[in-house]
PDB file of N, CA and C in Angstrom:
ATOM      1  N   MET A   1      53.752  20.792 -15.484  1.00  0.00           N
ATOM      2  CA  MET A   1      52.333  20.616 -15.219  1.00  0.00           C
ATOM      3  C   MET A   1      51.623  20.299 -16.529  1.00  0.00           C
ATOM      4  N   ALA A   2      50.592  19.482 -16.481  1.00  0.00           N
ATOM      5  CA  ALA A   2      49.860  19.045 -17.676  1.00  0.00           C
ATOM      6  C   ALA A   2      49.082  20.196 -18.306  1.00  0.00           C
ATOM      7  N   GLN A   3      48.952  20.137 -19.628  1.00  0.00           N
ATOM      8  CA  GLN A   3      48.126  21.107 -20.345  1.00  0.00           C
ATOM      9  C   GLN A   3      46.662  20.780 -20.092  1.00  0.00           C
ATOM     10  N   PHE A   4      45.830  21.807 -19.964  1.00  0.00           N
ATOM     11  CA  PHE A   4      44.424  21.602 -19.700  1.00  0.00           C
ATOM     12  C   PHE A   4      43.622  21.736 -20.980  1.00  0.00           C
ATOM     13  N   ASP A   5      42.656  20.866 -21.134  1.00  0.00           N
ATOM     14  CA  ASP A   5      41.692  20.940 -22.221  1.00  0.00           C
ATOM     15  C   ASP A   5      40.643  21.960 -21.802  1.00  0.00           C
ATOM     16  N   LYS A   6      40.566  23.085 -22.493  1.00  0.00           N
ATOM     17  CA  LYS A   6      39.668  24.173 -22.112  1.00  0.00           C
ATOM     18  C   LYS A   6      38.195  23.782 -22.206  1.00  0.00           C
ATOM     19  N   ASN A   7      37.873  22.704 -22.948  1.00  0.00           N
ATOM     20  CA  ASN A   7      36.495  22.278 -23.090  1.00  0.00           C
ATOM     21  C   ASN A   7      36.067  21.297 -22.003  1.00  0.00           C
ATOM     22  N   ALA A   8      36.994  20.804 -21.226  1.00  0.00           N
ATOM     23  CA  ALA A   8      36.671  19.841 -20.177  1.00  0.00           C
ATOM     24  C   ALA A   8      36.479  20.574 -18.851  1.00  0.00           C
ATOM     25  N   GLN A   9      35.848  19.911 -17.916  1.00  0.00           N
ATOM     26  CA  GLN A   9      35.602  20.488 -16.599  1.00  0.00           C
ATOM     27  C   GLN A   9      36.253  19.598 -15.562  1.00  0.00           C
ATOM     28  N   PRO A  10      36.602  20.033 -14.405  1.00  0.00           N
ATOM     29  CA  PRO A  10      36.657  21.422 -13.955  1.00  0.00           C
ATOM     30  C   PRO A  10      37.976  22.081 -14.328  1.00  0.00           C
ATOM     31  N   GLN A  11      38.070  23.371 -14.093  1.00  0.00           N
ATOM     32  CA  GLN A  11      39.303  24.108 -14.339  1.00  0.00           C
ATOM     33  C   GLN A  11      39.694  24.836 -13.058  1.00  0.00           C
ATOM     34  N   PRO A  12      40.987  25.044 -12.859  1.00  0.00           N
ATOM     35  CA  PRO A  12      41.401  25.735 -11.633  1.00  0.00           C
ATOM     36  C   PRO A  12      40.869  27.165 -11.614  1.00  0.00           C
ATOM     37  N   GLN A  13      40.436  27.590 -10.441  1.00  0.00           N
ATOM     38  CA  GLN A  13      39.899  28.932 -10.287  1.00  0.00           C
ATOM     39  C   GLN A  13      40.992  29.945  -9.927  1.00  0.00           C
ATOM     40  N   ASP A  14      42.069  29.470  -9.339  1.00  0.00           N
ATOM     41  CA  ASP A  14      43.190  30.357  -9.031  1.00  0.00           C
ATOM     42  C   ASP A  14      44.481  29.547  -9.041  1.00  0.00           C
ATOM     43  N   LYS A  15      45.614  30.228  -8.889  1.00  0.00           N
ATOM     44  CA  LYS A  15      46.911  29.557  -9.015  1.00  0.00           C
ATOM     45  C   LYS A  15      47.193  28.542  -7.910  1.00  0.00           C
ATOM     46  N   ASN A  16      46.467  28.592  -6.800  1.00  0.00           N
ATOM     47  CA  ASN A  16      46.687  27.659  -5.702  1.00  0.00           C
ATOM     48  C   ASN A  16      45.823  26.409  -5.800  1.00  0.00           C
ATOM     49  N   GLU A  17      44.903  26.390  -6.729  1.00  0.00           N
ATOM     50  CA  GLU A  17      44.022  25.238  -6.880  1.00  0.00           C
ATOM     51  C   GLU A  17      44.631  24.242  -7.864  1.00  0.00           C
ATOM     52  N   TYR A  18      44.478  22.955  -7.545  1.00  0.00           N
ATOM     53  CA  TYR A  18      45.039  21.891  -8.367  1.00  0.00           C
ATOM     54  C   TYR A  18      43.908  21.017  -8.893  1.00  0.00           C
ATOM     55  N   VAL A  19      43.918  20.769 -10.188  1.00  0.00           N
ATOM     56  CA  VAL A  19      42.924  19.880 -10.787  1.00  0.00           C
ATOM     57  C   VAL A  19      43.597  18.533 -11.036  1.00  0.00           C
ATOM     58  N   ALA A  20      43.100  17.499 -10.349  1.00  0.00           N
ATOM     59  CA  ALA A  20      43.708  16.177 -10.459  1.00  0.00           C
ATOM     60  C   ALA A  20      43.297  15.470 -11.743  1.00  0.00           C
ATOM     61  N   HIS A  21      42.048  15.673 -12.161  1.00  0.00           N
ATOM     62  CA  HIS A  21      41.531  15.006 -13.355  1.00  0.00           C
ATOM     63  C   HIS A  21      40.616  15.954 -14.107  1.00  0.00           C
ATOM     64  N   GLN A  22      40.605  15.782 -15.399  1.00  0.00           N
ATOM     65  CA  GLN A  22      39.788  16.616 -16.279  1.00  0.00           C
ATOM     66  C   GLN A  22      39.213  15.693 -17.352  1.00  0.00           C
ATOM     67  N   PHE A  23      38.011  15.193 -17.105  1.00  0.00           N
ATOM     68  CA  PHE A  23      37.409  14.193 -17.978  1.00  0.00           C
ATOM     69  C   PHE A  23      36.649  14.822 -19.140  1.00  0.00           C
ATOM     70  N   HIS A  24      36.783  14.203 -20.295  1.00  0.00           N
ATOM     71  CA  HIS A  24      36.006  14.555 -21.481  1.00  0.00           C
ATOM     72  C   HIS A  24      35.295  13.273 -21.913  1.00  0.00           C
ATOM     73  N   VAL A  25      33.967  13.355 -22.028  1.00  0.00           N
ATOM     74  CA  VAL A  25      33.159  12.181 -22.363  1.00  0.00           C
ATOM     75  C   VAL A  25      32.548  12.371 -23.748  1.00  0.00           C
ATOM     76  N   ASN A  26      32.587  11.307 -24.538  1.00  0.00           N
ATOM     77  CA  ASN A  26      32.017  11.343 -25.882  1.00  0.00           C
ATOM     78  C   ASN A  26      31.197  10.076 -26.115  1.00  0.00           C
ATOM     79  N   ALA A  27      30.106  10.232 -26.877  1.00  0.00           N
ATOM     80  CA  ALA A  27      29.285   9.088 -27.273  1.00  0.00           C
ATOM     81  C   ALA A  27      29.102   9.137 -28.782  1.00  0.00           C
ATOM     82  N   HIS A  28      29.274   7.982 -29.427  1.00  0.00           N
ATOM     83  CA  HIS A  28      29.124   7.902 -30.884  1.00  0.00           C
ATOM     84  C   HIS A  28      28.191   6.748 -31.230  1.00  0.00           C
ATOM     85  N   PHE A  29      27.183   7.030 -32.056  1.00  0.00           N
ATOM     86  CA  PHE A  29      26.229   6.015 -32.501  1.00  0.00           C
ATOM     87  C   PHE A  29      26.602   5.567 -33.903  1.00  0.00           C
ATOM     88  N   ASP A  30      26.753   4.257 -34.098  1.00  0.00           N
ATOM     89  CA  ASP A  30      27.024   3.688 -35.415  1.00  0.00           C
ATOM     90  C   ASP A  30      25.745   2.996 -35.884  1.00  0.00           C
ATOM     91  N   ALA A  31      25.035   3.629 -36.819  1.00  0.00           N
ATOM     92  CA  ALA A  31      23.754   3.109 -37.300  1.00  0.00           C
ATOM     93  C   ALA A  31      23.920   1.807 -38.085  1.00  0.00           C
ATOM     94  N   ASN A  32      25.057   1.623 -38.730  1.00  0.00           N
ATOM     95  CA  ASN A  32      25.281   0.396 -39.502  1.00  0.00           C
ATOM     96  C   ASN A  32      25.508  -0.821 -38.598  1.00  0.00           C
ATOM     97  N   LYS A  33      26.287  -0.624 -37.559  1.00  0.00           N
ATOM     98  CA  LYS A  33      26.594  -1.731 -36.648  1.00  0.00           C
ATOM     99  C   LYS A  33      25.630  -1.797 -35.459  1.00  0.00           C
ATOM    100  N   LEU A  34      24.766  -0.792 -35.332  1.00  0.00           N
ATOM    101  CA  LEU A  34      23.831  -0.675 -34.210  1.00  0.00           C
ATOM    102  C   LEU A  34      24.544  -0.805 -32.865  1.00  0.00           C
ATOM    103  N   ASN A  35      25.523   0.097 -32.663  1.00  0.00           N
ATOM    104  CA  ASN A  35      26.200   0.135 -31.380  1.00  0.00           C
ATOM    105  C   ASN A  35      26.498   1.573 -30.987  1.00  0.00           C
ATOM    106  N   VAL A  36      26.814   1.759 -29.721  1.00  0.00           N
ATOM    107  CA  VAL A  36      27.189   3.055 -29.172  1.00  0.00           C
ATOM    108  C   VAL A  36      28.571   2.901 -28.551  1.00  0.00           C
ATOM    109  N   THR A  37      29.493   3.761 -28.947  1.00  0.00           N
ATOM    110  CA  THR A  37      30.830   3.749 -28.362  1.00  0.00           C
ATOM    111  C   THR A  37      30.941   4.913 -27.386  1.00  0.00           C
ATOM    112  N   LEU A  38      31.232   4.587 -26.137  1.00  0.00           N
ATOM    113  CA  LEU A  38      31.449   5.587 -25.095  1.00  0.00           C
ATOM    114  C   LEU A  38      32.948   5.719 -24.872  1.00  0.00           C
ATOM    115  N   THR A  39      33.428   6.947 -24.876  1.00  0.00           N
ATOM    116  CA  THR A  39      34.851   7.214 -24.683  1.00  0.00           C
ATOM    117  C   THR A  39      35.017   8.274 -23.603  1.00  0.00           C
ATOM    118  N   VAL A  40      35.919   8.020 -22.666  1.00  0.00           N
ATOM    119  CA  VAL A  40      36.263   8.993 -21.632  1.00  0.00           C
ATOM    120  C   VAL A  40      37.765   9.196 -21.683  1.00  0.00           C
ATOM    121  N   LYS A  41      38.182  10.468 -21.764  1.00  0.00           N
ATOM    122  CA  LYS A  41      39.606  10.807 -21.758  1.00  0.00           C
ATOM    123  C   LYS A  41      39.874  11.740 -20.587  1.00  0.00           C
ATOM    124  N   ASP A  42      41.024  11.559 -19.958  1.00  0.00           N
ATOM    125  CA  ASP A  42      41.466  12.442 -18.883  1.00  0.00           C
ATOM    126  C   ASP A  42      42.590  13.315 -19.439  1.00  0.00           C
ATOM    127  N   ALA A  43      42.348  14.608 -19.520  1.00  0.00           N
ATOM    128  CA  ALA A  43      43.325  15.538 -20.089  1.00  0.00           C
ATOM    129  C   ALA A  43      44.566  15.673 -19.219  1.00  0.00           C
ATOM    130  N   VAL A  44      44.475  15.356 -17.935  1.00  0.00           N
ATOM    131  CA  VAL A  44      45.613  15.497 -17.031  1.00  0.00           C
ATOM    132  C   VAL A  44      46.542  14.286 -17.119  1.00  0.00           C
ATOM    133  N   THR A  45      45.981  13.078 -17.002  1.00  0.00           N
ATOM    134  CA  THR A  45      46.820  11.869 -17.002  1.00  0.00           C
ATOM    135  C   THR A  45      47.003  11.284 -18.392  1.00  0.00           C
ATOM    136  N   LYS A  46      46.240  11.779 -19.360  1.00  0.00           N
ATOM    137  CA  LYS A  46      46.273  11.290 -20.752  1.00  0.00           C
ATOM    138  C   LYS A  46      45.764   9.852 -20.876  1.00  0.00           C
ATOM    139  N   LYS A  47      45.027   9.379 -19.881  1.00  0.00           N
ATOM    140  CA  LYS A  47      44.459   8.036 -19.956  1.00  0.00           C
ATOM    141  C   LYS A  47      43.142   8.080 -20.722  1.00  0.00           C
ATOM    142  N   LYS A  48      42.752   6.907 -21.266  1.00  0.00           N
ATOM    143  CA  LYS A  48      41.540   6.814 -22.075  1.00  0.00           C
ATOM    144  C   LYS A  48      40.830   5.495 -21.756  1.00  0.00           C
ATOM    145  N   TRP A  49      39.514   5.567 -21.649  1.00  0.00           N
ATOM    146  CA  TRP A  49      38.682   4.396 -21.409  1.00  0.00           C
ATOM    147  C   TRP A  49      37.610   4.363 -22.500  1.00  0.00           C
ATOM    148  N   GLU A  50      37.233   3.144 -22.895  1.00  0.00           N
ATOM    149  CA  GLU A  50      36.269   3.045 -23.989  1.00  0.00           C
ATOM    150  C   GLU A  50      35.462   1.754 -23.874  1.00  0.00           C
ATOM    151  N   LYS A  51      34.187   1.848 -24.255  1.00  0.00           N
ATOM    152  CA  LYS A  51      33.317   0.674 -24.281  1.00  0.00           C
ATOM    153  C   LYS A  51      32.390   0.785 -25.481  1.00  0.00           C
ATOM    154  N   CYS A  52      32.257  -0.311 -26.194  1.00  0.00           N
ATOM    155  CA  CYS A  52      31.326  -0.399 -27.313  1.00  0.00           C
ATOM    156  C   CYS A  52      30.093  -1.147 -26.799  1.00  0.00           C
ATOM    157  N   CYS A  53      28.946  -0.474 -26.799  1.00  0.00           N
ATOM    158  CA  CYS A  53      27.709  -1.043 -26.258  1.00  0.00           C
ATOM    159  C   CYS A  53      26.790  -1.492 -27.385  1.00  0.00           C
ATOM    160  N   THR A  54      26.214  -2.671 -27.219  1.00  0.00           N
ATOM    161  CA  THR A  54      25.243  -3.200 -28.169  1.00  0.00           C
ATOM    162  C   THR A  54      23.901  -3.352 -27.445  1.00  0.00           C
ATOM    163  N   LYS A  55      22.921  -3.913 -28.126  1.00  0.00           N
ATOM    164  CA  LYS A  55      21.581  -3.997 -27.542  1.00  0.00           C
ATOM    165  C   LYS A  55      21.544  -4.771 -26.229  1.00  0.00           C
ATOM    166  N   ILE A  56      22.470  -5.702 -26.021  1.00  0.00           N
ATOM    167  CA  ILE A  56      22.469  -6.449 -24.764  1.00  0.00           C
ATOM    168  C   ILE A  56      22.898  -5.599 -23.569  1.00  0.00           C
ATOM    169  N   ASP A  57      23.517  -4.438 -23.839  1.00  0.00           N
ATOM    170  CA  ASP A  57      23.964  -3.546 -22.761  1.00  0.00           C
ATOM    171  C   ASP A  57      22.870  -2.608 -22.273  1.00  0.00           C
ATOM    172  N   PHE A  58      21.732  -2.593 -22.951  1.00  0.00           N
ATOM    173  CA  PHE A  58      20.649  -1.679 -22.598  1.00  0.00           C
ATOM    174  C   PHE A  58      19.418  -2.480 -22.176  1.00  0.00           C
ATOM    175  N   ASP A  59      18.781  -2.044 -21.095  1.00  0.00           N
ATOM    176  CA  ASP A  59      17.624  -2.754 -20.552  1.00  0.00           C
ATOM    177  C   ASP A  59      16.515  -2.946 -21.584  1.00  0.00           C
ATOM    178  N   ASN A  60      16.272  -1.926 -22.395  1.00  0.00           N
ATOM    179  CA  ASN A  60      15.182  -2.013 -23.369  1.00  0.00           C
ATOM    180  C   ASN A  60      15.616  -2.636 -24.695  1.00  0.00           C
ATOM    181  N   GLY A  61      16.922  -2.854 -24.877  1.00  0.00           N
ATOM    182  CA  GLY A  61      17.431  -3.436 -26.117  1.00  0.00           C
ATOM    183  C   GLY A  61      17.413  -2.497 -27.303  1.00  0.00           C
ATOM    184  N   ASP A  62      16.964  -1.271 -27.109  1.00  0.00           N
ATOM    185  CA  ASP A  62      16.855  -0.286 -28.192  1.00  0.00           C
ATOM    186  C   ASP A  62      18.092   0.616 -28.175  1.00  0.00           C
ATOM    187  N   VAL A  63      19.020   0.337 -29.070  1.00  0.00           N
ATOM    188  CA  VAL A  63      20.304   1.045 -29.084  1.00  0.00           C
ATOM    189  C   VAL A  63      20.112   2.531 -29.408  1.00  0.00           C
ATOM    190  N   LYS A  64      19.323   2.850 -30.415  1.00  0.00           N
ATOM    191  CA  LYS A  64      19.142   4.252 -30.833  1.00  0.00           C
ATOM    192  C   LYS A  64      18.464   5.073 -29.731  1.00  0.00           C
ATOM    193  N   ALA A  65      17.404   4.541 -29.125  1.00  0.00           N
ATOM    194  CA  ALA A  65      16.717   5.265 -28.049  1.00  0.00           C
ATOM    195  C   ALA A  65      17.656   5.466 -26.857  1.00  0.00           C
ATOM    196  N   SER A  66      18.467   4.460 -26.543  1.00  0.00           N
ATOM    197  CA  SER A  66      19.437   4.581 -25.451  1.00  0.00           C
ATOM    198  C   SER A  66      20.492   5.619 -25.787  1.00  0.00           C
ATOM    199  N   TYR A  67      20.961   5.630 -27.036  1.00  0.00           N
ATOM    200  CA  TYR A  67      21.948   6.631 -27.463  1.00  0.00           C
ATOM    201  C   TYR A  67      21.375   8.038 -27.313  1.00  0.00           C
ATOM    202  N   ASP A  68      20.115   8.219 -27.678  1.00  0.00           N
ATOM    203  CA  ASP A  68      19.490   9.541 -27.558  1.00  0.00           C
ATOM    204  C   ASP A  68      19.515  10.028 -26.113  1.00  0.00           C
ATOM    205  N   LYS A  69      19.253   9.146 -25.159  1.00  0.00           N
ATOM    206  CA  LYS A  69      19.323   9.507 -23.740  1.00  0.00           C
ATOM    207  C   LYS A  69      20.763   9.789 -23.315  1.00  0.00           C
ATOM    208  N   ILE A  70      21.684   8.944 -23.780  1.00  0.00           N
ATOM    209  CA  ILE A  70      23.104   9.125 -23.457  1.00  0.00           C
ATOM    210  C   ILE A  70      23.596  10.469 -23.976  1.00  0.00           C
ATOM    211  N   LYS A  71      23.260  10.794 -25.207  1.00  0.00           N
ATOM    212  CA  LYS A  71      23.731  12.031 -25.832  1.00  0.00           C
ATOM    213  C   LYS A  71      23.252  13.261 -25.065  1.00  0.00           C
ATOM    214  N   VAL A  72      21.996  13.235 -24.604  1.00  0.00           N
ATOM    215  CA  VAL A  72      21.485  14.356 -23.806  1.00  0.00           C
ATOM    216  C   VAL A  72      22.294  14.502 -22.521  1.00  0.00           C
ATOM    217  N   ALA A  73      22.562  13.391 -21.840  1.00  0.00           N
ATOM    218  CA  ALA A  73      23.344  13.443 -20.601  1.00  0.00           C
ATOM    219  C   ALA A  73      24.755  13.961 -20.854  1.00  0.00           C
ATOM    220  N   VAL A  74      25.372  13.500 -21.934  1.00  0.00           N
ATOM    221  CA  VAL A  74      26.740  13.938 -22.261  1.00  0.00           C
ATOM    222  C   VAL A  74      26.747  15.422 -22.652  1.00  0.00           C
ATOM    223  N   ASP A  75      25.817  15.820 -23.501  1.00  0.00           N
ATOM    224  CA  ASP A  75      25.786  17.208 -23.975  1.00  0.00           C
ATOM    225  C   ASP A  75      25.485  18.212 -22.863  1.00  0.00           C
ATOM    226  N   THR A  76      24.742  17.781 -21.847  1.00  0.00           N
ATOM    227  CA  THR A  76      24.392  18.683 -20.744  1.00  0.00           C
ATOM    228  C   THR A  76      25.260  18.445 -19.507  1.00  0.00           C
ATOM    229  N   SER A  77      26.270  17.597 -19.636  1.00  0.00           N
ATOM    230  CA  SER A  77      27.207  17.269 -18.547  1.00  0.00           C
ATOM    231  C   SER A  77      26.496  16.706 -17.318  1.00  0.00           C
ATOM    232  N   LYS A  78      25.437  15.959 -17.528  1.00  0.00           N
ATOM    233  CA  LYS A  78      24.730  15.313 -16.420  1.00  0.00           C
ATOM    234  C   LYS A  78      25.268  13.902 -16.266  1.00  0.00           C
ATOM    235  N   MET A  79      26.472  13.843 -15.688  1.00  0.00           N
ATOM    236  CA  MET A  79      27.162  12.573 -15.544  1.00  0.00           C
ATOM    237  C   MET A  79      28.201  12.686 -14.448  1.00  0.00           C
ATOM    238  N   ALA A  80      28.687  11.547 -14.050  1.00  0.00           N
ATOM    239  CA  ALA A  80      29.751  11.498 -13.048  1.00  0.00           C
ATOM    240  C   ALA A  80      30.672  10.337 -13.380  1.00  0.00           C
ATOM    241  N   CYS A  81      31.959  10.538 -13.142  1.00  0.00           N
ATOM    242  CA  CYS A  81      32.906   9.437 -13.282  1.00  0.00           C
ATOM    243  C   CYS A  81      33.995   9.620 -12.238  1.00  0.00           C
ATOM    244  N   ALA A  82      34.557   8.502 -11.828  1.00  0.00           N
ATOM    245  CA  ALA A  82      35.599   8.517 -10.813  1.00  0.00           C
ATOM    246  C   ALA A  82      36.839   7.843 -11.374  1.00  0.00           C
ATOM    247  N   PHE A  83      37.995   8.450 -11.118  1.00  0.00           N
ATOM    248  CA  PHE A  83      39.252   7.896 -11.587  1.00  0.00           C
ATOM    249  C   PHE A  83      39.493   6.569 -10.870  1.00  0.00           C
ATOM    250  N   PRO A  84      39.679   5.480 -11.626  1.00  0.00           N
ATOM    251  CA  PRO A  84      39.835   4.160 -11.004  1.00  0.00           C
ATOM    252  C   PRO A  84      41.268   3.867 -10.568  1.00  0.00           C
ATOM    253  N   ASP A  85      41.397   2.828  -9.753  1.00  0.00           N
ATOM    254  CA  ASP A  85      42.722   2.307  -9.424  1.00  0.00           C
ATOM    255  C   ASP A  85      43.324   1.709 -10.688  1.00  0.00           C
ATOM    256  N   ASN A  86      44.644   1.588 -10.729  1.00  0.00           N
ATOM    257  CA  ASN A  86      45.313   1.014 -11.905  1.00  0.00           C
ATOM    258  C   ASN A  86      44.741  -0.358 -12.248  1.00  0.00           C
ATOM    259  N   GLY A  87      44.467  -0.545 -13.529  1.00  0.00           N
ATOM    260  CA  GLY A  87      43.971  -1.820 -14.010  1.00  0.00           C
ATOM    261  C   GLY A  87      42.479  -2.032 -13.832  1.00  0.00           C
ATOM    262  N   LYS A  88      41.802  -1.120 -13.177  1.00  0.00           N
ATOM    263  CA  LYS A  88      40.361  -1.237 -12.947  1.00  0.00           C
ATOM    264  C   LYS A  88      39.610  -0.403 -13.986  1.00  0.00           C
ATOM    265  N   PRO A  89      38.364  -0.796 -14.310  1.00  0.00           N
ATOM    266  CA  PRO A  89      37.581   0.006 -15.250  1.00  0.00           C
ATOM    267  C   PRO A  89      37.071   1.294 -14.602  1.00  0.00           C
ATOM    268  N   LEU A  90      36.830   2.274 -15.434  1.00  0.00           N
ATOM    269  CA  LEU A  90      36.273   3.546 -14.983  1.00  0.00           C
ATOM    270  C   LEU A  90      34.754   3.399 -14.915  1.00  0.00           C
ATOM    271  N   ASP A  91      34.159   3.854 -13.822  1.00  0.00           N
ATOM    272  CA  ASP A  91      32.704   3.845 -13.686  1.00  0.00           C
ATOM    273  C   ASP A  91      32.156   5.168 -14.196  1.00  0.00           C
ATOM    274  N   LEU A  92      31.222   5.072 -15.130  1.00  0.00           N
ATOM    275  CA  LEU A  92      30.567   6.242 -15.700  1.00  0.00           C
ATOM    276  C   LEU A  92      29.085   6.157 -15.375  1.00  0.00           C
ATOM    277  N   VAL A  93      28.560   7.194 -14.732  1.00  0.00           N
ATOM    278  CA  VAL A  93      27.145   7.256 -14.394  1.00  0.00           C
ATOM    279  C   VAL A  93      26.530   8.409 -15.178  1.00  0.00           C
ATOM    280  N   LEU A  94      25.511   8.078 -15.975  1.00  0.00           N
ATOM    281  CA  LEU A  94      24.784   9.090 -16.738  1.00  0.00           C
ATOM    282  C   LEU A  94      23.455   9.339 -16.036  1.00  0.00           C
ATOM    283  N   MET A  95      23.190  10.598 -15.745  1.00  0.00           N
ATOM    284  CA  MET A  95      22.000  10.951 -14.987  1.00  0.00           C
ATOM    285  C   MET A  95      20.799  11.101 -15.911  1.00  0.00           C
ATOM    286  N   THR A  96      20.398   9.963 -16.464  1.00  0.00           N
ATOM    287  CA  THR A  96      19.226   9.880 -17.318  1.00  0.00           C
ATOM    288  C   THR A  96      18.085   9.333 -16.460  1.00  0.00           C
ATOM    289  N   GLU A  97      16.930   9.133 -17.038  1.00  0.00           N
ATOM    290  CA  GLU A  97      15.811   8.500 -16.329  1.00  0.00           C
ATOM    291  C   GLU A  97      15.543   7.150 -16.941  1.00  0.00           C
ATOM    292  N   PRO A  98      15.809   6.022 -16.306  1.00  0.00           N
ATOM    293  CA  PRO A  98      16.587   5.905 -15.066  1.00  0.00           C
ATOM    294  C   PRO A  98      18.082   6.090 -15.338  1.00  0.00           C
ATOM    295  N   TYR A  99      18.861   6.238 -14.265  1.00  0.00           N
ATOM    296  CA  TYR A  99      20.309   6.392 -14.424  1.00  0.00           C
ATOM    297  C   TYR A  99      20.876   5.215 -15.201  1.00  0.00           C
ATOM    298  N   MET A 100      21.890   5.491 -16.014  1.00  0.00           N
ATOM    299  CA  MET A 100      22.617   4.441 -16.726  1.00  0.00           C
ATOM    300  C   MET A 100      24.034   4.405 -16.170  1.00  0.00           C
ATOM    301  N   THR A 101      24.532   3.210 -15.908  1.00  0.00           N
ATOM    302  CA  THR A 101      25.903   3.073 -15.422  1.00  0.00           C
ATOM    303  C   THR A 101      26.673   2.139 -16.352  1.00  0.00           C
ATOM    304  N   PHE A 102      27.933   2.470 -16.564  1.00  0.00           N
ATOM    305  CA  PHE A 102      28.791   1.696 -17.450  1.00  0.00           C
ATOM    306  C   PHE A 102      30.168   1.540 -16.812  1.00  0.00           C
ATOM    307  N   GLU A 103      30.797   0.417 -17.067  1.00  0.00           N
ATOM    308  CA  GLU A 103      32.200   0.205 -16.696  1.00  0.00           C
ATOM    309  C   GLU A 103      33.006   0.215 -17.979  1.00  0.00           C
ATOM    310  N   LEU A 104      33.924   1.165 -18.094  1.00  0.00           N
ATOM    311  CA  LEU A 104      34.733   1.310 -19.292  1.00  0.00           C
ATOM    312  C   LEU A 104      36.153   0.848 -19.023  1.00  0.00           C
ATOM    313  N   PRO A 105      36.631  -0.161 -19.762  1.00  0.00           N
ATOM    314  CA  PRO A 105      38.026  -0.592 -19.583  1.00  0.00           C
ATOM    315  C   PRO A 105      38.998   0.437 -20.157  1.00  0.00           C
ATOM    316  N   GLU A 106      40.176   0.490 -19.566  1.00  0.00           N
ATOM    317  CA  GLU A 106      41.206   1.421 -20.050  1.00  0.00           C
ATOM    318  C   GLU A 106      41.749   0.949 -21.392  1.00  0.00           C
ATOM    319  N   VAL A 107      41.985   1.904 -22.283  1.00  0.00           N
ATOM    320  CA  VAL A 107      42.586   1.643 -23.585  1.00  0.00           C
ATOM    321  C   VAL A 107      44.076   1.937 -23.464  1.00  0.00           C
ATOM    322  N   GLN A 108      44.899   0.978 -23.810  1.00  0.00           N
ATOM    323  CA  GLN A 108      46.356   1.157 -23.692  1.00  0.00           C
ATOM    324  C   GLN A 108      46.927   1.836 -24.906  1.00  0.00           C
TER     325      GLN A 108
END
């Protein structure tokens, strides 16, 4: 059975419960390049998805302001993601105002 990342959610509540996926989401702002890198890792399958976002990826074009909203959603776990079919990008929804959605390609 796979090792669980104690910092990721959810975790099994008893020995009969099975956790299929355990996502960890990270956002990094690069002030020099003016981009935001979103990374999602699954502790169970060891898969990783990543997207580098620039001003064209945000409705307002303001990378820093968008990162600030993203960081709040990530830090408070106000997000949702679904494990994709093989070869498909992972959909990440951040529950900001308004919601932000991203498609992250898998990193091999």
